[in-house]
Amino acid sequence: MKGVILAGGLGTRLYPLTWATNKHLLPIYDKPMIFYPIDTLVKAGIKDVLVVSSGPYAGHFLRVLKNGKELGLNHLEYAFQEKPDGGIADALALAKDFADDGPITVVLGDNTTDADIKKEVSSFKDGAFVFLKKVPDPERYGVPEFDSKNKIIKIEEKPRSPKSNYAVTGLYIYDHSVFEIVKKIKPSDRGQLEITDVNNEYIKKQTLNWAELNGFWTDAGTFASLFKASSYWANK
């Protein structure tokens, strides 16, 4: 299994902090933000990682991550997303050659968690797998709708009236068919290729499974969530 960290975008919600560098290099307590998703992958046994970045500060990752050896990686590659506002699925498409026909574990670069996903990674066979977490503000995220058997029947992106209080976190596992799916989806009203649309295609094929993350999880894409993440890791 290989890992992909999506660390693109312009981080506009964190201006003026992101006038200085890429969002994913901002500090969360005593480490750059991207160290946390790398640690999640390494703890799951994933040592070959691709970092997808974009924007004017993409070169900063080289200075911080180097070749990844100090962070427990065997191999680290970089890719550049030419459209920083192209969406998560647009960034994921750049990982096709890196994946080399195998499955990949994908983590958004602003996600921090102390959950252990090694079991799900090692037992993955095919289809797609998403990790969920109960949150007080599901309208900020992709929100799953369940049937009577707790199977996800649909994921809605940033709904005004969420069908559950679960958020689809920024951790996913995909088989290689994800790249064909990305080719087929259309840009959303925001003009982006949405990862929610990718996940819904797997739902249509009845090949999407899920688990709830045990432990702490938050994104760090707003001032409030950046502070929340820093506070948690400082106390821990």
Protein backbone atom coordinates (compact mmCIF):
# COMPACT_ATOMS: atom_id res chain seq x y z
CA MET A 1 0.00 0.00 0.00
CA LYS A 2 1.21 3.47 -0.90
CA GLY A 3 0.14 6.77 0.62
CA VAL A 4 -0.90 10.07 -0.91
CA ILE A 5 -1.09 13.36 0.98
CA LEU A 6 -3.08 16.10 -0.72
CA ALA A 7 -1.60 19.42 0.33
CA GLY A 8 -2.73 21.79 -2.39
CA GLY A 9 -5.04 24.78 -2.42
CA LEU A 10 -4.37 28.39 -1.51
CA GLY A 11 -5.55 28.32 2.12
CA THR A 12 -7.66 31.44 1.63
CA ARG A 13 -9.63 30.84 4.84
CA LEU A 14 -6.38 31.26 6.75
CA TYR A 15 -5.27 34.57 5.26
CA PRO A 16 -3.06 36.37 6.31
CA LEU A 17 -1.20 33.33 7.71
CA THR A 18 -1.03 31.70 4.28
CA TRP A 19 0.45 34.77 2.67
CA ALA A 20 3.72 33.48 4.17
CA THR A 21 3.67 29.80 3.22
CA ASN A 22 1.49 26.85 2.22
CA LYS A 23 -1.30 26.09 4.73
CA HIS A 24 0.02 22.59 5.34
CA LEU A 25 3.35 23.93 6.61
CA LEU A 26 1.80 26.11 9.30
CA PRO A 27 2.58 24.97 12.85
CA ILE A 28 0.29 22.78 14.89
CA TYR A 29 1.84 23.05 18.33
CA ASP A 30 5.48 22.03 17.73
CA LYS A 31 5.35 20.51 14.23
CA PRO A 32 4.43 21.60 10.72
CA MET A 33 0.85 20.53 9.94
CA ILE A 34 1.87 18.00 7.28
CA PHE A 35 3.95 16.01 9.79
CA TYR A 36 0.70 14.71 11.33
CA PRO A 37 -0.76 12.99 8.24
CA ILE A 38 2.70 11.59 7.45
CA ASP A 39 2.81 10.11 10.95
CA THR A 40 -0.68 8.62 10.44
CA LEU A 41 0.56 6.82 7.32
CA VAL A 42 3.83 5.66 8.87
CA LYS A 43 2.00 4.22 11.91
CA ALA A 44 -0.23 2.30 9.47
CA GLY A 45 2.85 0.75 7.87
CA ILE A 46 2.91 2.96 4.77
CA LYS A 47 6.42 4.12 3.91
CA ASP A 48 6.08 5.18 0.24
CA VAL A 49 4.34 8.55 0.00
CA LEU A 50 3.44 11.13 -2.65
CA VAL A 51 2.79 14.74 -1.58
CA VAL A 52 0.63 16.74 -3.99
CA SER A 53 1.00 20.49 -3.55
CA SER A 54 0.08 23.65 -5.45
CA GLY A 55 0.28 27.41 -5.29
CA PRO A 56 3.24 29.77 -4.97
CA TYR A 57 4.85 28.02 -1.99
CA ALA A 58 5.00 24.44 -3.28
CA GLY A 59 8.80 24.54 -3.18
CA HIS A 60 8.74 25.05 0.59
CA PHE A 61 7.85 21.37 1.07
CA LEU A 62 11.28 20.27 -0.15
CA ARG A 63 13.04 22.31 2.50
CA VAL A 64 10.80 20.96 5.27
CA LEU A 65 10.32 17.31 4.27
CA LYS A 66 13.55 16.72 2.32
CA ASN A 67 13.55 13.05 1.24
CA GLY A 68 11.28 11.94 4.10
CA LYS A 69 13.85 9.73 5.82
CA GLU A 70 13.76 11.74 9.06
CA LEU A 71 10.01 11.17 9.25
CA GLY A 72 10.17 7.40 8.82
CA LEU A 73 9.55 7.20 5.08
CA ASN A 74 11.44 4.97 2.67
CA HIS A 75 10.44 6.93 -0.42
CA LEU A 76 8.95 10.39 -0.90
CA GLU A 77 7.77 11.92 -4.17
CA TYR A 78 6.21 15.27 -5.04
CA ALA A 79 3.61 16.30 -7.62
CA PHE A 80 2.32 19.76 -8.54
CA GLN A 81 -1.37 20.54 -9.05
CA GLU A 82 -1.51 23.29 -11.66
CA LYS A 83 -5.03 24.37 -10.63
CA PRO A 84 -4.87 25.06 -6.88
CA ASP A 85 -8.66 25.48 -6.87
CA GLY A 86 -9.27 22.37 -8.99
CA GLY A 87 -10.56 20.29 -6.08
CA ILE A 88 -9.44 17.26 -4.11
CA ALA A 89 -10.23 14.76 -6.85
CA ASP A 90 -8.27 16.84 -9.37
CA ALA A 91 -5.24 16.62 -7.08
CA LEU A 92 -5.76 12.90 -6.54
CA ALA A 93 -5.62 12.29 -10.31
CA LEU A 94 -1.92 13.21 -10.21
CA ALA A 95 -1.20 10.08 -8.15
CA LYS A 96 -2.10 7.61 -10.93
CA ASP A 97 1.45 6.78 -12.03
CA PHE A 98 2.69 6.73 -8.44
CA ALA A 99 -0.01 4.23 -7.43
CA ASP A 100 1.33 1.79 -10.06
CA ASP A 101 -2.01 -0.09 -10.37
CA GLY A 102 -2.16 -0.72 -6.62
CA PRO A 103 -4.39 0.63 -3.83
CA ILE A 104 -3.65 3.90 -2.08
CA THR A 105 -4.41 5.46 1.28
CA VAL A 106 -5.20 9.14 0.85
CA VAL A 107 -4.96 11.76 3.60
CA LEU A 108 -5.77 15.44 3.33
CA GLY A 109 -2.78 17.43 4.46
CA ASP A 110 -4.71 19.46 7.04
CA ASN A 111 -6.07 16.43 8.92
CA THR A 112 -4.64 15.55 12.31
CA THR A 113 -5.62 12.43 14.20
CA ASP A 114 -4.19 10.03 16.75
CA ALA A 115 -6.41 7.20 15.47
CA ASP A 116 -4.72 3.99 14.32
CA ILE A 117 -5.88 2.94 10.83
CA LYS A 118 -3.43 0.07 10.42
CA LYS A 119 -6.14 -2.61 10.65
CA GLU A 120 -8.23 -1.08 7.86
CA VAL A 121 -5.20 -0.48 5.66
CA SER A 122 -3.82 -4.00 6.02
CA SER A 123 -7.19 -5.70 5.43
CA PHE A 124 -8.25 -3.57 2.42
CA LYS A 125 -9.02 -5.57 -0.72
CA ASP A 126 -10.92 -3.44 -3.25
CA GLY A 127 -13.50 -0.70 -3.66
CA ALA A 128 -13.28 2.32 -1.38
CA PHE A 129 -13.13 2.89 2.35
CA VAL A 130 -13.92 6.11 4.21
CA PHE A 131 -13.41 7.07 7.84
CA LEU A 132 -16.16 8.94 9.66
CA LYS A 133 -16.26 11.04 12.82
CA LYS A 134 -19.14 12.56 14.77
CA VAL A 135 -18.85 16.36 14.73
CA PRO A 136 -20.90 19.29 16.06
CA ASP A 137 -20.83 21.07 12.67
CA PRO A 138 -21.37 18.44 9.95
CA GLU A 139 -22.51 21.12 7.49
CA ARG A 140 -18.82 21.96 6.99
CA TYR A 141 -18.07 18.53 5.56
CA GLY A 142 -19.25 15.73 3.33
CA VAL A 143 -22.07 14.09 5.32
CA PRO A 144 -23.17 10.45 4.92
CA GLU A 145 -26.77 9.30 4.81
CA PHE A 146 -27.39 5.77 6.12
CA ASP A 147 -30.00 3.12 5.46
CA SER A 148 -31.58 0.97 8.18
CA LYS A 149 -28.56 -1.37 8.10
CA ASN A 150 -26.04 1.44 8.65
CA LYS A 151 -24.86 1.25 5.06
CA ILE A 152 -23.97 4.57 3.46
CA ILE A 153 -26.44 5.26 0.65
CA LYS A 154 -25.28 8.78 -0.23
CA ILE A 155 -22.76 11.44 0.75
CA GLU A 156 -23.80 15.08 0.50
CA GLU A 157 -21.19 17.84 0.31
CA LYS A 158 -21.64 20.68 2.83
CA PRO A 159 -25.43 20.17 3.22
CA ARG A 160 -27.67 22.85 4.69
CA SER A 161 -29.69 20.13 6.43
CA PRO A 162 -27.29 17.27 7.29
CA LYS A 163 -28.78 13.77 7.25
CA SER A 164 -26.48 12.69 10.10
CA ASN A 165 -23.98 14.17 12.53
CA TYR A 166 -21.09 12.31 10.95
CA ALA A 167 -18.41 13.94 8.82
CA VAL A 168 -16.45 12.13 6.15
CA THR A 169 -12.94 12.81 7.36
CA GLY A 170 -10.03 13.41 5.04
CA LEU A 171 -8.82 9.81 5.20
CA TYR A 172 -9.71 7.42 2.38
CA ILE A 173 -8.56 4.12 0.92
CA TYR A 174 -9.11 3.46 -2.79
CA ASP A 175 -8.43 0.71 -5.26
CA HIS A 176 -6.93 1.65 -8.64
CA SER A 177 -10.32 2.19 -10.29
CA VAL A 178 -10.48 5.56 -8.51
CA PHE A 179 -8.53 7.12 -11.36
CA GLU A 180 -11.07 6.04 -13.97
CA ILE A 181 -13.84 7.44 -11.76
CA VAL A 182 -12.06 10.79 -11.44
CA LYS A 183 -11.88 11.00 -15.24
CA LYS A 184 -15.66 10.65 -15.51
CA ILE A 185 -16.93 13.05 -12.84
CA LYS A 186 -17.89 16.61 -13.75
CA PRO A 187 -16.92 19.83 -11.95
CA SER A 188 -19.33 20.90 -9.21
CA ASP A 189 -21.04 24.28 -8.93
CA ARG A 190 -17.82 25.44 -7.28
CA GLY A 191 -15.93 24.47 -10.44
CA GLN A 192 -14.08 21.71 -8.60
CA LEU A 193 -13.76 17.96 -8.97
CA GLU A 194 -15.24 16.87 -5.65
CA ILE A 195 -14.03 13.84 -3.71
CA THR A 196 -17.64 13.42 -2.57
CA ASP A 197 -18.65 12.70 -6.17
CA VAL A 198 -15.91 10.06 -6.37
CA ASN A 199 -17.17 8.41 -3.18
CA ASN A 200 -20.76 8.47 -4.44
CA GLU A 201 -19.68 6.56 -7.54
CA TYR A 202 -18.34 3.80 -5.31
CA ILE A 203 -21.64 3.87 -3.39
CA LYS A 204 -23.51 3.32 -6.67
CA LYS A 205 -21.36 0.25 -7.27
CA GLN A 206 -21.99 -0.86 -3.66
CA THR A 207 -18.26 -1.08 -3.01
CA LEU A 208 -17.83 1.64 -0.38
CA ASN A 209 -17.31 0.68 3.27
CA TRP A 210 -16.67 2.77 6.36
CA ALA A 211 -15.48 2.82 9.94
CA GLU A 212 -15.59 5.42 12.68
CA LEU A 213 -12.23 6.87 13.70
CA ASN A 214 -11.35 6.07 17.30
CA GLY A 215 -9.56 8.94 18.97
CA PHE A 216 -9.03 12.60 18.22
CA TRP A 217 -9.58 14.01 14.76
CA THR A 218 -9.90 17.47 13.29
CA ASP A 219 -9.06 19.28 10.13
CA ALA A 220 -7.09 22.49 10.55
CA GLY A 221 -8.38 24.62 7.70
CA THR A 222 -9.95 27.42 9.75
CA PHE A 223 -8.63 29.58 12.57
CA ALA A 224 -10.89 27.77 15.05
CA SER A 225 -9.89 24.26 13.95
CA LEU A 226 -6.21 25.23 13.73
CA PHE A 227 -6.40 26.40 17.35
CA LYS A 228 -8.32 23.27 18.36
CA ALA A 229 -5.68 21.02 16.82
CA SER A 230 -2.79 22.93 18.39
CA SER A 231 -4.46 22.85 21.81
CA TYR A 232 -5.05 19.11 21.66
CA TRP A 233 -1.51 18.20 20.63
CA ALA A 234 -0.01 20.62 23.13
CA ASN A 235 -1.97 19.01 25.97
CA LYS A 236 -1.20 15.51 24.74
